[in-house]
Amino acid sequence: MVPQQVNETKMVTQTVMQQETRQRSYTVMKSVPRTETRTRSVTKSVPRQVSKTQTYTVMVPQQRTEDYTVQVPVTTQVAQEYTVQVPKTSTVEESYTVQVPVTTQVEVPYTVQVPYQETATRTYTVNVPYTEMREESYQVSVPYTENVEQSYTVQVPYTEQVEQSYTVQVPYTENVEQTYTVNVPYTETLTATIPHAAERGTN
């Protein structure tokens, strides 16, 4: 048998979406300005003249005499012995050998510096401290206390009632109608042709 293709028709159910307009109401909150007056207490500082007595210490100069010791340099003559090196000339005989065709002894006189010690006196000035009394006057500050009256201004707080106007937001509720679109499903029937293979006999 050879398969052959035929067309067949049958009913198919399909669901599609269509738009539909609806209305609904909902509640919204709004703030409406409203002016109201309230009274509140405030504190202010008012200057007031007051006096007080204050004690403080001041420095007063006072004459005072004081003795003290000072070092005064004095010049005196002091003799001091010391040793110095004084050069002295003397003749010294020295023998030495030289290389000559003929060797002979030769005396050669020459001068050398021979140190020796001697005592000398030298005068110089030194400072010898001594103590003396001197009287000197100067001023010192002696503290003493006195009472002084002083006037000054202080801030005295007081309370007063102040009336103030201001605006507040008062909420209120209202109903609002809104239109919106939704998709509503609906069902419809369609006719479709489906091809398929059918068997047939051979003679």
C-alpha atoms as a PDB file:
ATOM      1  CA  MET A   1       0.000   0.000   0.000  1.00  0.00           C
ATOM      2  CA  VAL A   2       1.201   3.485  -0.896  1.00  0.00           C
ATOM      3  CA  PRO A   3       0.398   6.253   1.657  1.00  0.00           C
ATOM      4  CA  GLN A   4      -1.549   9.160   0.301  1.00  0.00           C
ATOM      5  CA  GLN A   5      -2.095  12.610   1.806  1.00  0.00           C
ATOM      6  CA  VAL A   6      -5.658  13.832   2.559  1.00  0.00           C
ATOM      7  CA  ASN A   7      -7.091  16.861   4.377  1.00  0.00           C
ATOM      8  CA  GLU A   8      -9.145  16.509   7.528  1.00  0.00           C
ATOM      9  CA  THR A   9     -11.195  19.219   9.252  1.00  0.00           C
ATOM     10  CA  LYS A  10     -11.793  19.332  13.048  1.00  0.00           C
ATOM     11  CA  MET A  11     -12.820  21.879  15.713  1.00  0.00           C
ATOM     12  CA  VAL A  12     -10.048  23.480  17.926  1.00  0.00           C
ATOM     13  CA  THR A  13     -10.711  25.601  21.075  1.00  0.00           C
ATOM     14  CA  GLN A  14      -8.451  28.651  21.556  1.00  0.00           C
ATOM     15  CA  THR A  15      -8.347  31.283  24.382  1.00  0.00           C
ATOM     16  CA  VAL A  16      -7.421  34.863  23.466  1.00  0.00           C
ATOM     17  CA  MET A  17      -7.226  38.118  25.530  1.00  0.00           C
ATOM     18  CA  GLN A  18      -9.262  41.234  24.751  1.00  0.00           C
ATOM     19  CA  GLN A  19      -9.182  44.642  26.459  1.00  0.00           C
ATOM     20  CA  GLU A  20     -12.030  45.893  28.613  1.00  0.00           C
ATOM     21  CA  THR A  21     -12.368  49.293  30.341  1.00  0.00           C
ATOM     22  CA  ARG A  22     -13.356  49.331  34.023  1.00  0.00           C
ATOM     23  CA  GLN A  23     -13.667  51.963  36.782  1.00  0.00           C
ATOM     24  CA  ARG A  24     -12.784  51.739  40.466  1.00  0.00           C
ATOM     25  CA  SER A  25     -12.661  54.112  43.465  1.00  0.00           C
ATOM     26  CA  TYR A  26      -9.833  54.450  45.997  1.00  0.00           C
ATOM     27  CA  THR A  27      -9.036  56.769  48.899  1.00  0.00           C
ATOM     28  CA  VAL A  28      -6.176  59.295  48.774  1.00  0.00           C
ATOM     29  CA  MET A  29      -4.698  61.466  51.566  1.00  0.00           C
ATOM     30  CA  LYS A  30      -3.995  65.156  50.910  1.00  0.00           C
ATOM     31  CA  SER A  31      -2.576  67.911  53.153  1.00  0.00           C
ATOM     32  CA  VAL A  32      -4.622  71.098  53.300  1.00  0.00           C
ATOM     33  CA  PRO A  33      -2.952  74.200  54.884  1.00  0.00           C
ATOM     34  CA  ARG A  34      -4.766  75.651  57.870  1.00  0.00           C
ATOM     35  CA  THR A  35      -3.764  78.663  59.958  1.00  0.00           C
ATOM     36  CA  GLU A  36      -4.092  78.356  63.725  1.00  0.00           C
ATOM     37  CA  THR A  37      -2.826  80.426  66.670  1.00  0.00           C
ATOM     38  CA  ARG A  38      -1.168  79.065  69.778  1.00  0.00           C
ATOM     39  CA  THR A  39       0.369  80.742  72.843  1.00  0.00           C
ATOM     40  CA  ARG A  40       3.801  79.776  74.179  1.00  0.00           C
ATOM     41  CA  SER A  41       6.044  81.085  76.966  1.00  0.00           C
ATOM     42  CA  VAL A  42       9.462  82.538  76.125  1.00  0.00           C
ATOM     43  CA  THR A  43      12.249  83.711  78.423  1.00  0.00           C
ATOM     44  CA  LYS A  44      14.185  86.894  77.694  1.00  0.00           C
ATOM     45  CA  SER A  45      17.119  88.553  79.449  1.00  0.00           C
ATOM     46  CA  VAL A  46      16.544  92.129  80.625  1.00  0.00           C
ATOM     47  CA  PRO A  47      19.570  94.267  81.719  1.00  0.00           C
ATOM     48  CA  ARG A  48      19.428  95.459  85.331  1.00  0.00           C
ATOM     49  CA  GLN A  49      21.958  97.654  87.139  1.00  0.00           C
ATOM     50  CA  VAL A  50      23.354  96.032  90.287  1.00  0.00           C
ATOM     51  CA  SER A  51      26.292  96.829  92.585  1.00  0.00           C
ATOM     52  CA  LYS A  52      28.571  94.541  94.530  1.00  0.00           C
ATOM     53  CA  THR A  53      31.647  94.958  96.689  1.00  0.00           C
ATOM     54  CA  GLN A  54      34.739  93.156  95.490  1.00  0.00           C
ATOM     55  CA  THR A  55      37.995  92.724  97.376  1.00  0.00           C
ATOM     56  CA  TYR A  56      41.263  92.536  95.438  1.00  0.00           C
ATOM     57  CA  THR A  57      44.943  93.082  96.111  1.00  0.00           C
ATOM     58  CA  VAL A  58      47.110  95.795  94.537  1.00  0.00           C
ATOM     59  CA  MET A  59      50.878  96.332  94.756  1.00  0.00           C
ATOM     60  CA  VAL A  60      52.094  99.508  96.545  1.00  0.00           C
ATOM     61  CA  PRO A  61      55.796 100.549  96.269  1.00  0.00           C
ATOM     62  CA  GLN A  62      57.641 100.856  99.599  1.00  0.00           C
ATOM     63  CA  GLN A  63      61.150 102.184 100.364  1.00  0.00           C
ATOM     64  CA  ARG A  64      63.546  99.595 101.861  1.00  0.00           C
ATOM     65  CA  THR A  65      67.294  99.656 102.713  1.00  0.00           C
ATOM     66  CA  GLU A  66      69.386  96.505 102.417  1.00  0.00           C
ATOM     67  CA  ASP A  67      73.097  95.813 103.085  1.00  0.00           C
ATOM     68  CA  TYR A  68      75.069  93.508 100.812  1.00  0.00           C
ATOM     69  CA  THR A  69      78.713  92.655 100.083  1.00  0.00           C
ATOM     70  CA  VAL A  70      80.512  93.353  96.807  1.00  0.00           C
ATOM     71  CA  GLN A  71      83.943  92.305  95.577  1.00  0.00           C
ATOM     72  CA  VAL A  72      86.205  95.308  94.789  1.00  0.00           C
ATOM     73  CA  PRO A  73      89.511  94.591  92.959  1.00  0.00           C
ATOM     74  CA  VAL A  74      92.688  95.984  94.619  1.00  0.00           C
ATOM     75  CA  THR A  75      96.063  96.194  92.847  1.00  0.00           C
ATOM     76  CA  THR A  76      99.172  95.137  94.804  1.00  0.00           C
ATOM     77  CA  GLN A  77     102.800  94.484  93.858  1.00  0.00           C
ATOM     78  CA  VAL A  78     103.833  90.831  94.252  1.00  0.00           C
ATOM     79  CA  ALA A  79     107.397  89.569  93.751  1.00  0.00           C
ATOM     80  CA  GLN A  80     107.679  86.158  92.113  1.00  0.00           C
ATOM     81  CA  GLU A  81     110.803  84.110  91.418  1.00  0.00           C
ATOM     82  CA  TYR A  82     111.031  81.948  88.341  1.00  0.00           C
ATOM     83  CA  THR A  83     113.740  80.368  86.186  1.00  0.00           C
ATOM     84  CA  VAL A  84     114.533  81.336  82.612  1.00  0.00           C
ATOM     85  CA  GLN A  85     116.859  79.805  80.066  1.00  0.00           C
ATOM     86  CA  VAL A  86     119.760  82.167  79.270  1.00  0.00           C
ATOM     87  CA  PRO A  87     121.958  81.144  76.320  1.00  0.00           C
ATOM     88  CA  LYS A  88     125.714  80.970  77.041  1.00  0.00           C
ATOM     89  CA  THR A  89     128.462  80.584  74.463  1.00  0.00           C
ATOM     90  CA  SER A  90     131.381  78.236  75.122  1.00  0.00           C
ATOM     91  CA  THR A  91     134.020  76.635  72.996  1.00  0.00           C
ATOM     92  CA  VAL A  92     134.021  72.840  72.670  1.00  0.00           C
ATOM     93  CA  GLU A  93     136.718  70.808  71.036  1.00  0.00           C
ATOM     94  CA  GLU A  94     135.528  67.976  68.842  1.00  0.00           C
ATOM     95  CA  SER A  95     137.593  65.391  67.034  1.00  0.00           C
ATOM     96  CA  TYR A  96     136.325  63.557  63.996  1.00  0.00           C
ATOM     97  CA  THR A  97     137.830  61.520  61.207  1.00  0.00           C
ATOM     98  CA  VAL A  98     137.660  62.360  57.564  1.00  0.00           C
ATOM     99  CA  GLN A  99     138.571  60.252  54.596  1.00  0.00           C
ATOM    100  CA  VAL A 100     141.618  61.751  52.948  1.00  0.00           C
ATOM    101  CA  PRO A 101     144.474  60.217  51.152  1.00  0.00           C
ATOM    102  CA  VAL A 102     146.440  60.814  54.329  1.00  0.00           C
ATOM    103  CA  THR A 103     144.755  60.426  57.684  1.00  0.00           C
ATOM    104  CA  THR A 104     145.476  63.205  60.198  1.00  0.00           C
ATOM    105  CA  GLN A 105     143.869  64.462  63.384  1.00  0.00           C
ATOM    106  CA  VAL A 106     142.486  68.035  63.114  1.00  0.00           C
ATOM    107  CA  GLU A 107     141.095  70.113  65.943  1.00  0.00           C
ATOM    108  CA  VAL A 108     138.131  72.315  64.875  1.00  0.00           C
ATOM    109  CA  PRO A 109     136.795  74.872  67.349  1.00  0.00           C
ATOM    110  CA  TYR A 110     133.037  75.792  67.111  1.00  0.00           C
ATOM    111  CA  THR A 111     130.354  77.390  69.289  1.00  0.00           C
ATOM    112  CA  VAL A 112     127.351  75.633  70.826  1.00  0.00           C
ATOM    113  CA  GLN A 113     124.413  76.902  72.936  1.00  0.00           C
ATOM    114  CA  VAL A 114     124.648  75.553  76.503  1.00  0.00           C
ATOM    115  CA  PRO A 115     121.526  76.251  78.706  1.00  0.00           C
ATOM    116  CA  TYR A 116     121.949  77.122  82.353  1.00  0.00           C
ATOM    117  CA  GLN A 117     119.530  78.298  85.092  1.00  0.00           C
ATOM    118  CA  GLU A 118     119.502  81.644  86.876  1.00  0.00           C
ATOM    119  CA  THR A 119     117.063  83.357  89.243  1.00  0.00           C
ATOM    120  CA  ALA A 120     115.351  86.603  88.200  1.00  0.00           C
ATOM    121  CA  THR A 121     112.826  88.822  89.975  1.00  0.00           C
ATOM    122  CA  ARG A 122     109.783  90.109  88.084  1.00  0.00           C
ATOM    123  CA  THR A 123     107.072  92.459  89.298  1.00  0.00           C
ATOM    124  CA  TYR A 124     103.423  92.145  88.111  1.00  0.00           C
ATOM    125  CA  THR A 125      99.986  93.191  89.278  1.00  0.00           C
ATOM    126  CA  VAL A 126      97.292  90.830  90.616  1.00  0.00           C
ATOM    127  CA  ASN A 127      93.713  91.520  91.753  1.00  0.00           C
ATOM    128  CA  VAL A 128      93.208  90.808  95.461  1.00  0.00           C
ATOM    129  CA  PRO A 129      89.471  90.744  96.454  1.00  0.00           C
ATOM    130  CA  TYR A 130      88.391  92.381  99.676  1.00  0.00           C
ATOM    131  CA  THR A 131      84.943  92.919 101.228  1.00  0.00           C
ATOM    132  CA  GLU A 132      83.384  96.286 101.988  1.00  0.00           C
ATOM    133  CA  MET A 133      79.882  97.303 103.143  1.00  0.00           C
ATOM    134  CA  ARG A 134      77.747  99.518 100.935  1.00  0.00           C
ATOM    135  CA  GLU A 135      74.290 100.891 101.562  1.00  0.00           C
ATOM    136  CA  GLU A 136      71.847 101.042  98.656  1.00  0.00           C
ATOM    137  CA  SER A 137      68.198 102.143  98.583  1.00  0.00           C
ATOM    138  CA  TYR A 138      65.602 100.658  96.222  1.00  0.00           C
ATOM    139  CA  GLN A 139      61.847 100.299  95.988  1.00  0.00           C
ATOM    140  CA  VAL A 140      59.880  97.094  96.408  1.00  0.00           C
ATOM    141  CA  SER A 141      56.146  96.436  95.856  1.00  0.00           C
ATOM    142  CA  VAL A 142      54.273  95.537  99.051  1.00  0.00           C
ATOM    143  CA  PRO A 143      50.791  94.035  98.499  1.00  0.00           C
ATOM    144  CA  TYR A 144      47.852  95.310 100.527  1.00  0.00           C
ATOM    145  CA  THR A 145      44.115  94.650 100.342  1.00  0.00           C
ATOM    146  CA  GLU A 146      41.337  97.218  99.995  1.00  0.00           C
ATOM    147  CA  ASN A 147      37.605  97.016  99.315  1.00  0.00           C
ATOM    148  CA  VAL A 148      36.355  98.572  96.079  1.00  0.00           C
ATOM    149  CA  GLU A 149      32.718  98.990  95.098  1.00  0.00           C
ATOM    150  CA  GLN A 150      32.071  98.230  91.457  1.00  0.00           C
ATOM    151  CA  SER A 151      28.869  98.662  89.414  1.00  0.00           C
ATOM    152  CA  TYR A 152      28.069  96.388  86.501  1.00  0.00           C
ATOM    153  CA  THR A 153      25.073  95.219  84.481  1.00  0.00           C
ATOM    154  CA  VAL A 154      23.712  91.662  84.586  1.00  0.00           C
ATOM    155  CA  GLN A 155      21.078  89.982  82.423  1.00  0.00           C
ATOM    156  CA  VAL A 156      17.970  89.067  84.478  1.00  0.00           C
ATOM    157  CA  PRO A 157      15.713  86.490  82.750  1.00  0.00           C
ATOM    158  CA  TYR A 158      11.959  86.941  82.810  1.00  0.00           C
ATOM    159  CA  THR A 159       9.119  84.974  81.188  1.00  0.00           C
ATOM    160  CA  GLU A 160       6.372  86.446  79.003  1.00  0.00           C
ATOM    161  CA  GLN A 161       3.514  85.014  76.955  1.00  0.00           C
ATOM    162  CA  VAL A 162       3.913  85.354  73.186  1.00  0.00           C
ATOM    163  CA  GLU A 163       1.106  84.684  70.702  1.00  0.00           C
ATOM    164  CA  GLN A 164       2.309  83.266  67.401  1.00  0.00           C
ATOM    165  CA  SER A 165       0.412  82.383  64.224  1.00  0.00           C
ATOM    166  CA  TYR A 166       1.634  79.643  61.916  1.00  0.00           C
ATOM    167  CA  THR A 167       0.281  77.314  59.234  1.00  0.00           C
ATOM    168  CA  VAL A 168      -0.024  73.548  59.676  1.00  0.00           C
ATOM    169  CA  GLN A 169      -0.840  70.826  57.155  1.00  0.00           C
ATOM    170  CA  VAL A 170      -4.144  69.064  58.030  1.00  0.00           C
ATOM    171  CA  PRO A 171      -4.695  65.708  56.254  1.00  0.00           C
ATOM    172  CA  TYR A 172      -8.106  64.867  54.856  1.00  0.00           C
ATOM    173  CA  THR A 173      -9.510  61.915  52.885  1.00  0.00           C
ATOM    174  CA  GLU A 174     -11.372  61.986  49.557  1.00  0.00           C
ATOM    175  CA  ASN A 175     -12.542  59.371  47.071  1.00  0.00           C
ATOM    176  CA  VAL A 176     -11.071  59.478  43.569  1.00  0.00           C
ATOM    177  CA  GLU A 177     -12.534  57.598  40.602  1.00  0.00           C
ATOM    178  CA  GLN A 178      -9.965  56.044  38.263  1.00  0.00           C
ATOM    179  CA  THR A 179     -10.376  54.457  34.873  1.00  0.00           C
ATOM    180  CA  TYR A 180      -8.015  51.655  33.835  1.00  0.00           C
ATOM    181  CA  THR A 181      -7.860  48.832  31.280  1.00  0.00           C
ATOM    182  CA  VAL A 182      -7.577  45.091  32.055  1.00  0.00           C
ATOM    183  CA  ASN A 183      -7.183  42.048  29.821  1.00  0.00           C
ATOM    184  CA  VAL A 184     -10.251  39.757  30.014  1.00  0.00           C
ATOM    185  CA  PRO A 185      -9.819  36.220  28.609  1.00  0.00           C
ATOM    186  CA  TYR A 186     -12.578  34.762  26.452  1.00  0.00           C
ATOM    187  CA  THR A 187     -12.922  31.493  24.553  1.00  0.00           C
ATOM    188  CA  GLU A 188     -13.766  31.090  20.853  1.00  0.00           C
ATOM    189  CA  THR A 189     -14.007  28.074  18.546  1.00  0.00           C
ATOM    190  CA  LEU A 190     -11.943  27.867  15.330  1.00  0.00           C
ATOM    191  CA  THR A 191     -12.070  25.404  12.422  1.00  0.00           C
ATOM    192  CA  ALA A 192      -8.714  24.075  11.220  1.00  0.00           C
ATOM    193  CA  THR A 193      -7.759  21.708   8.393  1.00  0.00           C
ATOM    194  CA  ILE A 194      -4.998  19.237   9.242  1.00  0.00           C
ATOM    195  CA  PRO A 195      -3.351  17.243   6.447  1.00  0.00           C
ATOM    196  CA  HIS A 196      -2.425  13.614   7.183  1.00  0.00           C
ATOM    197  CA  ALA A 197      -1.459  10.511   5.237  1.00  0.00           C
ATOM    198  CA  ALA A 198      -4.107   7.841   4.328  1.00  0.00           C
ATOM    199  CA  GLU A 199      -3.538   4.268   3.045  1.00  0.00           C
ATOM    200  CA  ARG A 200      -4.855   3.059  -0.282  1.00  0.00           C
ATOM    201  CA  GLY A 201      -4.792  -0.422  -1.957  1.00  0.00           C
ATOM    202  CA  THR A 202      -2.986  -1.365  -5.121  1.00  0.00           C
ATOM    203  CA  ASN A 203      -4.616  -3.528  -7.815  1.00  0.00           C
END
